[in-house]
Amino acid sequence: MGKLYRPLRRTTATPIYTIGAASRLTGIPIWTLRWIERHGLLRPSRTRGRQRLYTDGDLGRLRDIRGWMERKVNLAGIRVILSLRAAV
């Protein structure tokens, strides 16, 4: 009899989306996703092979960041907004 595996329970914190999928789902180009990470606005999970994996929560945060960027909020302003959100 083979080993039985229990299916993983998926939550909003389950890292499942590759950078390409995250780009398509948020409308943010891949190079901008890398820029967002490089500037510390979001830190996606990584596989052992260093591939980025995004969660549903990450996608929501990315959509917010995209909205602020479209409204011409600068990097410092986005950092302030994110830190205020984290404090609440």
PDB file of N, CA and C in Angstrom:
ATOM      1  N   MET A   1       0.844  -1.174   0.000  1.00  0.00           N
ATOM      2  CA  MET A   1       0.000   0.000   0.000  1.00  0.00           C
ATOM      3  C   MET A   1       0.890   1.239   0.000  1.00  0.00           C
ATOM      4  N   GLY A   2       0.633   2.188  -0.893  1.00  0.00           N
ATOM      5  CA  GLY A   2       1.434   3.399  -1.020  1.00  0.00           C
ATOM      6  C   GLY A   2       1.171   4.382   0.110  1.00  0.00           C
ATOM      7  N   LYS A   3       2.078   5.311   0.236  1.00  0.00           N
ATOM      8  CA  LYS A   3       1.962   6.343   1.255  1.00  0.00           C
ATOM      9  C   LYS A   3       0.860   7.323   0.856  1.00  0.00           C
ATOM     10  N   LEU A   4      -0.010   7.639   1.782  1.00  0.00           N
ATOM     11  CA  LEU A   4      -1.087   8.596   1.504  1.00  0.00           C
ATOM     12  C   LEU A   4      -0.619  10.001   1.833  1.00  0.00           C
ATOM     13  N   TYR A   5      -0.886  10.915   0.937  1.00  0.00           N
ATOM     14  CA  TYR A   5      -0.509  12.301   1.151  1.00  0.00           C
ATOM     15  C   TYR A   5      -1.757  13.122   1.398  1.00  0.00           C
ATOM     16  N   ARG A   6      -1.660  13.962   2.391  1.00  0.00           N
ATOM     17  CA  ARG A   6      -2.753  14.865   2.688  1.00  0.00           C
ATOM     18  C   ARG A   6      -2.580  16.100   1.810  1.00  0.00           C
ATOM     19  N   PRO A   7      -3.631  16.525   1.117  1.00  0.00           N
ATOM     20  CA  PRO A   7      -3.487  17.714   0.263  1.00  0.00           C
ATOM     21  C   PRO A   7      -3.176  18.954   1.104  1.00  0.00           C
ATOM     22  N   LEU A   8      -2.368  19.828   0.539  1.00  0.00           N
ATOM     23  CA  LEU A   8      -2.045  21.066   1.228  1.00  0.00           C
ATOM     24  C   LEU A   8      -3.265  21.976   1.257  1.00  0.00           C
ATOM     25  N   ARG A   9      -3.436  22.629   2.374  1.00  0.00           N
ATOM     26  CA  ARG A   9      -4.539  23.586   2.496  1.00  0.00           C
ATOM     27  C   ARG A   9      -4.049  24.930   1.957  1.00  0.00           C
ATOM     28  N   ARG A  10      -4.707  25.421   0.936  1.00  0.00           N
ATOM     29  CA  ARG A  10      -4.311  26.680   0.309  1.00  0.00           C
ATOM     30  C   ARG A  10      -4.962  27.850   1.028  1.00  0.00           C
ATOM     31  N   THR A  11      -4.154  28.840   1.375  1.00  0.00           N
ATOM     32  CA  THR A  11      -4.644  30.068   2.005  1.00  0.00           C
ATOM     33  C   THR A  11      -4.153  31.252   1.174  1.00  0.00           C
ATOM     34  N   THR A  12      -4.475  32.469   1.609  1.00  0.00           N
ATOM     35  CA  THR A  12      -3.993  33.658   0.901  1.00  0.00           C
ATOM     36  C   THR A  12      -2.489  33.827   1.074  1.00  0.00           C
ATOM     37  N   ALA A  13      -1.899  33.065   2.005  1.00  0.00           N
ATOM     38  CA  ALA A  13      -0.460  33.150   2.236  1.00  0.00           C
ATOM     39  C   ALA A  13       0.310  32.007   1.574  1.00  0.00           C
ATOM     40  N   THR A  14      -0.359  31.208   0.760  1.00  0.00           N
ATOM     41  CA  THR A  14       0.304  30.107   0.073  1.00  0.00           C
ATOM     42  C   THR A  14       1.009  30.624  -1.180  1.00  0.00           C
ATOM     43  N   PRO A  15       2.338  30.505  -1.241  1.00  0.00           N
ATOM     44  CA  PRO A  15       3.056  31.005  -2.421  1.00  0.00           C
ATOM     45  C   PRO A  15       2.888  30.062  -3.611  1.00  0.00           C
ATOM     46  N   ILE A  16       2.167  30.527  -4.639  1.00  0.00           N
ATOM     47  CA  ILE A  16       1.893  29.653  -5.783  1.00  0.00           C
ATOM     48  C   ILE A  16       2.130  30.308  -7.142  1.00  0.00           C
ATOM     49  N   TYR A  17       2.175  31.628  -7.215  1.00  0.00           N
ATOM     50  CA  TYR A  17       2.256  32.308  -8.504  1.00  0.00           C
ATOM     51  C   TYR A  17       3.702  32.640  -8.871  1.00  0.00           C
ATOM     52  N   THR A  18       4.123  32.250 -10.062  1.00  0.00           N
ATOM     53  CA  THR A  18       5.453  32.620 -10.553  1.00  0.00           C
ATOM     54  C   THR A  18       5.449  34.102 -10.909  1.00  0.00           C
ATOM     55  N   ILE A  19       6.611  34.639 -11.198  1.00  0.00           N
ATOM     56  CA  ILE A  19       6.709  36.056 -11.539  1.00  0.00           C
ATOM     57  C   ILE A  19       5.924  36.371 -12.821  1.00  0.00           C
ATOM     58  N   GLY A  20       5.923  35.434 -13.775  1.00  0.00           N
ATOM     59  CA  GLY A  20       5.159  35.644 -15.005  1.00  0.00           C
ATOM     60  C   GLY A  20       3.665  35.680 -14.747  1.00  0.00           C
ATOM     61  N   ALA A  21       3.189  34.760 -13.911  1.00  0.00           N
ATOM     62  CA  ALA A  21       1.767  34.736 -13.567  1.00  0.00           C
ATOM     63  C   ALA A  21       1.396  35.987 -12.780  1.00  0.00           C
ATOM     64  N   ALA A  22       2.243  36.386 -11.831  1.00  0.00           N
ATOM     65  CA  ALA A  22       1.979  37.595 -11.048  1.00  0.00           C
ATOM     66  C   ALA A  22       1.916  38.819 -11.962  1.00  0.00           C
ATOM     67  N   SER A  23       2.785  38.871 -12.950  1.00  0.00           N
ATOM     68  CA  SER A  23       2.792  39.972 -13.903  1.00  0.00           C
ATOM     69  C   SER A  23       1.471  40.033 -14.680  1.00  0.00           C
ATOM     70  N   ARG A  24       1.034  38.892 -15.173  1.00  0.00           N
ATOM     71  CA  ARG A  24      -0.228  38.854 -15.929  1.00  0.00           C
ATOM     72  C   ARG A  24      -1.431  39.200 -15.058  1.00  0.00           C
ATOM     73  N   LEU A  25      -1.445  38.690 -13.832  1.00  0.00           N
ATOM     74  CA  LEU A  25      -2.598  38.893 -12.957  1.00  0.00           C
ATOM     75  C   LEU A  25      -2.691  40.311 -12.400  1.00  0.00           C
ATOM     76  N   THR A  26      -1.568  41.005 -12.274  1.00  0.00           N
ATOM     77  CA  THR A  26      -1.577  42.364 -11.718  1.00  0.00           C
ATOM     78  C   THR A  26      -1.436  43.449 -12.777  1.00  0.00           C
ATOM     79  N   GLY A  27      -1.008  43.058 -13.979  1.00  0.00           N
ATOM     80  CA  GLY A  27      -0.778  44.059 -15.022  1.00  0.00           C
ATOM     81  C   GLY A  27       0.522  44.815 -14.833  1.00  0.00           C
ATOM     82  N   ILE A  28       1.421  44.293 -14.004  1.00  0.00           N
ATOM     83  CA  ILE A  28       2.706  44.937 -13.745  1.00  0.00           C
ATOM     84  C   ILE A  28       3.784  44.178 -14.511  1.00  0.00           C
ATOM     85  N   PRO A  29       4.591  44.879 -15.313  1.00  0.00           N
ATOM     86  CA  PRO A  29       5.664  44.189 -16.054  1.00  0.00           C
ATOM     87  C   PRO A  29       6.647  43.495 -15.120  1.00  0.00           C
ATOM     88  N   ILE A  30       7.250  42.430 -15.607  1.00  0.00           N
ATOM     89  CA  ILE A  30       8.192  41.651 -14.795  1.00  0.00           C
ATOM     90  C   ILE A  30       9.332  42.525 -14.277  1.00  0.00           C
ATOM     91  N   TRP A  31       9.882  43.401 -15.117  1.00  0.00           N
ATOM     92  CA  TRP A  31      10.996  44.240 -14.666  1.00  0.00           C
ATOM     93  C   TRP A  31      10.569  45.139 -13.518  1.00  0.00           C
ATOM     94  N   THR A  32       9.291  45.580 -13.509  1.00  0.00           N
ATOM     95  CA  THR A  32       8.797  46.420 -12.420  1.00  0.00           C
ATOM     96  C   THR A  32       8.616  45.594 -11.145  1.00  0.00           C
ATOM     97  N   LEU A  33       8.195  44.336 -11.282  1.00  0.00           N
ATOM     98  CA  LEU A  33       8.096  43.462 -10.109  1.00  0.00           C
ATOM     99  C   LEU A  33       9.474  43.293  -9.471  1.00  0.00           C
ATOM    100  N   ARG A  34      10.503  43.143 -10.280  1.00  0.00           N
ATOM    101  CA  ARG A  34      11.868  43.024  -9.751  1.00  0.00           C
ATOM    102  C   ARG A  34      12.303  44.327  -9.085  1.00  0.00           C
ATOM    103  N   TRP A  35      11.931  45.465  -9.672  1.00  0.00           N
ATOM    104  CA  TRP A  35      12.252  46.777  -9.104  1.00  0.00           C
ATOM    105  C   TRP A  35      11.569  46.941  -7.751  1.00  0.00           C
ATOM    106  N   ILE A  36      10.297  46.547  -7.662  1.00  0.00           N
ATOM    107  CA  ILE A  36       9.546  46.627  -6.399  1.00  0.00           C
ATOM    108  C   ILE A  36      10.244  45.802  -5.326  1.00  0.00           C
ATOM    109  N   GLU A  37      10.688  44.616  -5.685  1.00  0.00           N
ATOM    110  CA  GLU A  37      11.398  43.763  -4.719  1.00  0.00           C
ATOM    111  C   GLU A  37      12.743  44.378  -4.333  1.00  0.00           C
ATOM    112  N   ARG A  38      13.487  44.859  -5.316  1.00  0.00           N
ATOM    113  CA  ARG A  38      14.807  45.438  -5.056  1.00  0.00           C
ATOM    114  C   ARG A  38      14.723  46.621  -4.088  1.00  0.00           C
ATOM    115  N   HIS A  39      13.611  47.357  -4.143  1.00  0.00           N
ATOM    116  CA  HIS A  39      13.441  48.517  -3.270  1.00  0.00           C
ATOM    117  C   HIS A  39      12.703  48.178  -1.970  1.00  0.00           C
ATOM    118  N   GLY A  40      12.493  46.906  -1.710  1.00  0.00           N
ATOM    119  CA  GLY A  40      11.967  46.470  -0.425  1.00  0.00           C
ATOM    120  C   GLY A  40      10.485  46.676  -0.201  1.00  0.00           C
ATOM    121  N   LEU A  41       9.708  46.894  -1.257  1.00  0.00           N
ATOM    122  CA  LEU A  41       8.276  47.096  -1.091  1.00  0.00           C
ATOM    123  C   LEU A  41       7.532  45.775  -0.932  1.00  0.00           C
ATOM    124  N   LEU A  42       8.139  44.695  -1.378  1.00  0.00           N
ATOM    125  CA  LEU A  42       7.533  43.366  -1.291  1.00  0.00           C
ATOM    126  C   LEU A  42       8.650  42.337  -1.364  1.00  0.00           C
ATOM    127  N   ARG A  43       8.542  41.303  -0.561  1.00  0.00           N
ATOM    128  CA  ARG A  43       9.551  40.249  -0.558  1.00  0.00           C
ATOM    129  C   ARG A  43       8.855  38.918  -0.819  1.00  0.00           C
ATOM    130  N   PRO A  44       8.785  38.484  -2.102  1.00  0.00           N
ATOM    131  CA  PRO A  44       8.118  37.208  -2.394  1.00  0.00           C
ATOM    132  C   PRO A  44       8.915  36.028  -1.854  1.00  0.00           C
ATOM    133  N   SER A  45       8.228  34.917  -1.673  1.00  0.00           N
ATOM    134  CA  SER A  45       8.897  33.680  -1.265  1.00  0.00           C
ATOM    135  C   SER A  45       9.795  33.221  -2.402  1.00  0.00           C
ATOM    136  N   ARG A  46      10.726  32.333  -2.080  1.00  0.00           N
ATOM    137  CA  ARG A  46      11.618  31.764  -3.092  1.00  0.00           C
ATOM    138  C   ARG A  46      11.640  30.251  -2.947  1.00  0.00           C
ATOM    139  N   THR A  47      11.752  29.574  -4.086  1.00  0.00           N
ATOM    140  CA  THR A  47      11.934  28.126  -4.072  1.00  0.00           C
ATOM    141  C   THR A  47      13.404  27.840  -3.774  1.00  0.00           C
ATOM    142  N   ARG A  48      13.741  26.580  -3.611  1.00  0.00           N
ATOM    143  CA  ARG A  48      15.157  26.226  -3.412  1.00  0.00           C
ATOM    144  C   ARG A  48      16.004  26.662  -4.595  1.00  0.00           C
ATOM    145  N   GLY A  49      15.407  26.687  -5.775  1.00  0.00           N
ATOM    146  CA  GLY A  49      16.113  27.124  -6.982  1.00  0.00           C
ATOM    147  C   GLY A  49      16.088  28.630  -7.178  1.00  0.00           C
ATOM    148  N   ARG A  50      15.606  29.385  -6.170  1.00  0.00           N
ATOM    149  CA  ARG A  50      15.567  30.863  -6.147  1.00  0.00           C
ATOM    150  C   ARG A  50      14.475  31.471  -7.031  1.00  0.00           C
ATOM    151  N   GLN A  51      13.519  30.674  -7.481  1.00  0.00           N
ATOM    152  CA  GLN A  51      12.407  31.206  -8.270  1.00  0.00           C
ATOM    153  C   GLN A  51      11.447  31.935  -7.333  1.00  0.00           C
ATOM    154  N   ARG A  52      11.019  33.121  -7.746  1.00  0.00           N
ATOM    155  CA  ARG A  52      10.068  33.886  -6.938  1.00  0.00           C
ATOM    156  C   ARG A  52       8.689  33.245  -7.000  1.00  0.00           C
ATOM    157  N   LEU A  53       8.008  33.196  -5.855  1.00  0.00           N
ATOM    158  CA  LEU A  53       6.630  32.738  -5.791  1.00  0.00           C
ATOM    159  C   LEU A  53       5.823  33.738  -4.995  1.00  0.00           C
ATOM    160  N   TYR A  54       4.715  34.174  -5.565  1.00  0.00           N
ATOM    161  CA  TYR A  54       3.863  35.186  -4.955  1.00  0.00           C
ATOM    162  C   TYR A  54       2.586  34.547  -4.408  1.00  0.00           C
ATOM    163  N   THR A  55       2.063  35.144  -3.340  1.00  0.00           N
ATOM    164  CA  THR A  55       0.821  34.683  -2.721  1.00  0.00           C
ATOM    165  C   THR A  55      -0.336  35.557  -3.196  1.00  0.00           C
ATOM    166  N   ASP A  56      -1.556  35.160  -2.867  1.00  0.00           N
ATOM    167  CA  ASP A  56      -2.711  36.018  -3.164  1.00  0.00           C
ATOM    168  C   ASP A  56      -2.574  37.352  -2.440  1.00  0.00           C
ATOM    169  N   GLY A  57      -2.069  37.315  -1.208  1.00  0.00           N
ATOM    170  CA  GLY A  57      -1.838  38.549  -0.456  1.00  0.00           C
ATOM    171  C   GLY A  57      -0.832  39.456  -1.141  1.00  0.00           C
ATOM    172  N   ASP A  58       0.238  38.855  -1.676  1.00  0.00           N
ATOM    173  CA  ASP A  58       1.239  39.626  -2.429  1.00  0.00           C
ATOM    174  C   ASP A  58       0.604  40.307  -3.638  1.00  0.00           C
ATOM    175  N   LEU A  59      -0.271  39.576  -4.337  1.00  0.00           N
ATOM    176  CA  LEU A  59      -0.919  40.144  -5.529  1.00  0.00           C
ATOM    177  C   LEU A  59      -1.779  41.344  -5.150  1.00  0.00           C
ATOM    178  N   GLY A  60      -2.478  41.261  -4.028  1.00  0.00           N
ATOM    179  CA  GLY A  60      -3.268  42.400  -3.564  1.00  0.00           C
ATOM    180  C   GLY A  60      -2.389  43.599  -3.259  1.00  0.00           C
ATOM    181  N   ARG A  61      -1.271  43.350  -2.587  1.00  0.00           N
ATOM    182  CA  ARG A  61      -0.335  44.432  -2.273  1.00  0.00           C
ATOM    183  C   ARG A  61       0.253  45.032  -3.548  1.00  0.00           C
ATOM    184  N   LEU A  62       0.568  44.176  -4.520  1.00  0.00           N
ATOM    185  CA  LEU A  62       1.092  44.671  -5.792  1.00  0.00           C
ATOM    186  C   LEU A  62       0.072  45.538  -6.523  1.00  0.00           C
ATOM    187  N   ARG A  63      -1.188  45.146  -6.478  1.00  0.00           N
ATOM    188  CA  ARG A  63      -2.231  45.967  -7.122  1.00  0.00           C
ATOM    189  C   ARG A  63      -2.321  47.332  -6.447  1.00  0.00           C
ATOM    190  N   ASP A  64      -2.207  47.358  -5.121  1.00  0.00           N
ATOM    191  CA  ASP A  64      -2.204  48.638  -4.401  1.00  0.00           C
ATOM    192  C   ASP A  64      -1.006  49.483  -4.813  1.00  0.00           C
ATOM    193  N   ILE A  65       0.171  48.872  -4.845  1.00  0.00           N
ATOM    194  CA  ILE A  65       1.390  49.593  -5.236  1.00  0.00           C
ATOM    195  C   ILE A  65       1.245  50.139  -6.659  1.00  0.00           C
ATOM    196  N   ARG A  66       0.697  49.328  -7.562  1.00  0.00           N
ATOM    197  CA  ARG A  66       0.488  49.793  -8.936  1.00  0.00           C
ATOM    198  C   ARG A  66      -0.434  51.008  -8.955  1.00  0.00           C
ATOM    199  N   GLY A  67      -1.495  50.975  -8.164  1.00  0.00           N
ATOM    200  CA  GLY A  67      -2.423  52.102  -8.092  1.00  0.00           C
ATOM    201  C   GLY A  67      -1.746  53.375  -7.604  1.00  0.00           C
ATOM    202  N   TRP A  68      -0.920  53.245  -6.572  1.00  0.00           N
ATOM    203  CA  TRP A  68      -0.211  54.423  -6.067  1.00  0.00           C
ATOM    204  C   TRP A  68       0.786  54.944  -7.088  1.00  0.00           C
ATOM    205  N   MET A  69       1.464  54.034  -7.782  1.00  0.00           N
ATOM    206  CA  MET A  69       2.413  54.463  -8.811  1.00  0.00           C
ATOM    207  C   MET A  69       1.684  55.188  -9.948  1.00  0.00           C
ATOM    208  N   GLU A  70       0.492  54.699 -10.304  1.00  0.00           N
ATOM    209  CA  GLU A  70      -0.287  55.358 -11.354  1.00  0.00           C
ATOM    210  C   GLU A  70      -0.738  56.746 -10.924  1.00  0.00           C
ATOM    211  N   ARG A  71      -0.911  56.951  -9.600  1.00  0.00           N
ATOM    212  CA  ARG A  71      -1.290  58.269  -9.065  1.00  0.00           C
ATOM    213  C   ARG A  71      -0.069  59.127  -8.776  1.00  0.00           C
ATOM    214  N   LYS A  72       1.089  58.665  -9.240  1.00  0.00           N
ATOM    215  CA  LYS A  72       2.361  59.403  -9.150  1.00  0.00           C
ATOM    216  C   LYS A  72       2.886  59.536  -7.712  1.00  0.00           C
ATOM    217  N   VAL A  73       2.538  58.588  -6.839  1.00  0.00           N
ATOM    218  CA  VAL A  73       3.129  58.563  -5.499  1.00  0.00           C
ATOM    219  C   VAL A  73       4.555  58.037  -5.650  1.00  0.00           C
ATOM    220  N   ASN A  74       5.520  58.754  -5.068  1.00  0.00           N
ATOM    221  CA  ASN A  74       6.917  58.335  -5.221  1.00  0.00           C
ATOM    222  C   ASN A  74       7.257  57.185  -4.274  1.00  0.00           C
ATOM    223  N   LEU A  75       8.458  56.655  -4.412  1.00  0.00           N
ATOM    224  CA  LEU A  75       8.901  55.497  -3.640  1.00  0.00           C
ATOM    225  C   LEU A  75       8.813  55.757  -2.136  1.00  0.00           C
ATOM    226  N   ALA A  76       9.260  56.918  -1.697  1.00  0.00           N
ATOM    227  CA  ALA A  76       9.209  57.248  -0.267  1.00  0.00           C
ATOM    228  C   ALA A  76       7.761  57.282   0.228  1.00  0.00           C
ATOM    229  N   GLY A  77       6.873  57.828  -0.581  1.00  0.00           N
ATOM    230  CA  GLY A  77       5.457  57.888  -0.211  1.00  0.00           C
ATOM    231  C   GLY A  77       4.842  56.502  -0.097  1.00  0.00           C
ATOM    232  N   ILE A  78       5.189  55.628  -1.022  1.00  0.00           N
ATOM    233  CA  ILE A  78       4.673  54.262  -0.972  1.00  0.00           C
ATOM    234  C   ILE A  78       5.186  53.557   0.278  1.00  0.00           C
ATOM    235  N   ARG A  79       6.448  53.789   0.619  1.00  0.00           N
ATOM    236  CA  ARG A  79       6.996  53.186   1.851  1.00  0.00           C
ATOM    237  C   ARG A  79       6.241  53.663   3.082  1.00  0.00           C
ATOM    238  N   VAL A  80       5.921  54.951   3.126  1.00  0.00           N
ATOM    239  CA  VAL A  80       5.175  55.502   4.270  1.00  0.00           C
ATOM    240  C   VAL A  80       3.787  54.860   4.349  1.00  0.00           C
ATOM    241  N   ILE A  81       3.106  54.786   3.226  1.00  0.00           N
ATOM    242  CA  ILE A  81       1.769  54.174   3.201  1.00  0.00           C
ATOM    243  C   ILE A  81       1.840  52.736   3.695  1.00  0.00           C
ATOM    244  N   LEU A  82       2.800  51.972   3.202  1.00  0.00           N
ATOM    245  CA  LEU A  82       2.927  50.571   3.607  1.00  0.00           C
ATOM    246  C   LEU A  82       3.260  50.430   5.084  1.00  0.00           C
ATOM    247  N   SER A  83       4.111  51.323   5.612  1.00  0.00           N
ATOM    248  CA  SER A  83       4.464  51.241   7.036  1.00  0.00           C
ATOM    249  C   SER A  83       3.261  51.638   7.905  1.00  0.00           C
ATOM    250  N   LEU A  84       2.470  52.598   7.452  1.00  0.00           N
ATOM    251  CA  LEU A  84       1.254  52.964   8.203  1.00  0.00           C
ATOM    252  C   LEU A  84       0.254  51.832   8.199  1.00  0.00           C
ATOM    253  N   ARG A  85       0.109  51.160   7.074  1.00  0.00           N
ATOM    254  CA  ARG A  85      -0.789  50.009   6.994  1.00  0.00           C
ATOM    255  C   ARG A  85      -0.340  48.893   7.934  1.00  0.00           C
ATOM    256  N   ALA A  86       0.978  48.673   7.998  1.00  0.00           N
ATOM    257  CA  ALA A  86       1.500  47.603   8.846  1.00  0.00           C
ATOM    258  C   ALA A  86       1.275  47.916  10.324  1.00  0.00           C
ATOM    259  N   ALA A  87       1.286  49.206  10.662  1.00  0.00           N
ATOM    260  CA  ALA A  87       1.097  49.621  12.046  1.00  0.00           C
ATOM    261  C   ALA A  87      -0.351  49.466  12.512  1.00  0.00           C
ATOM    262  N   VAL A  88      -1.275  49.459  11.551  1.00  0.00           N
ATOM    263  CA  VAL A  88      -2.705  49.374  11.906  1.00  0.00           C
ATOM    264  C   VAL A  88      -3.128  47.994  12.156  1.00  0.00           C
TER     265      VAL A  88
END
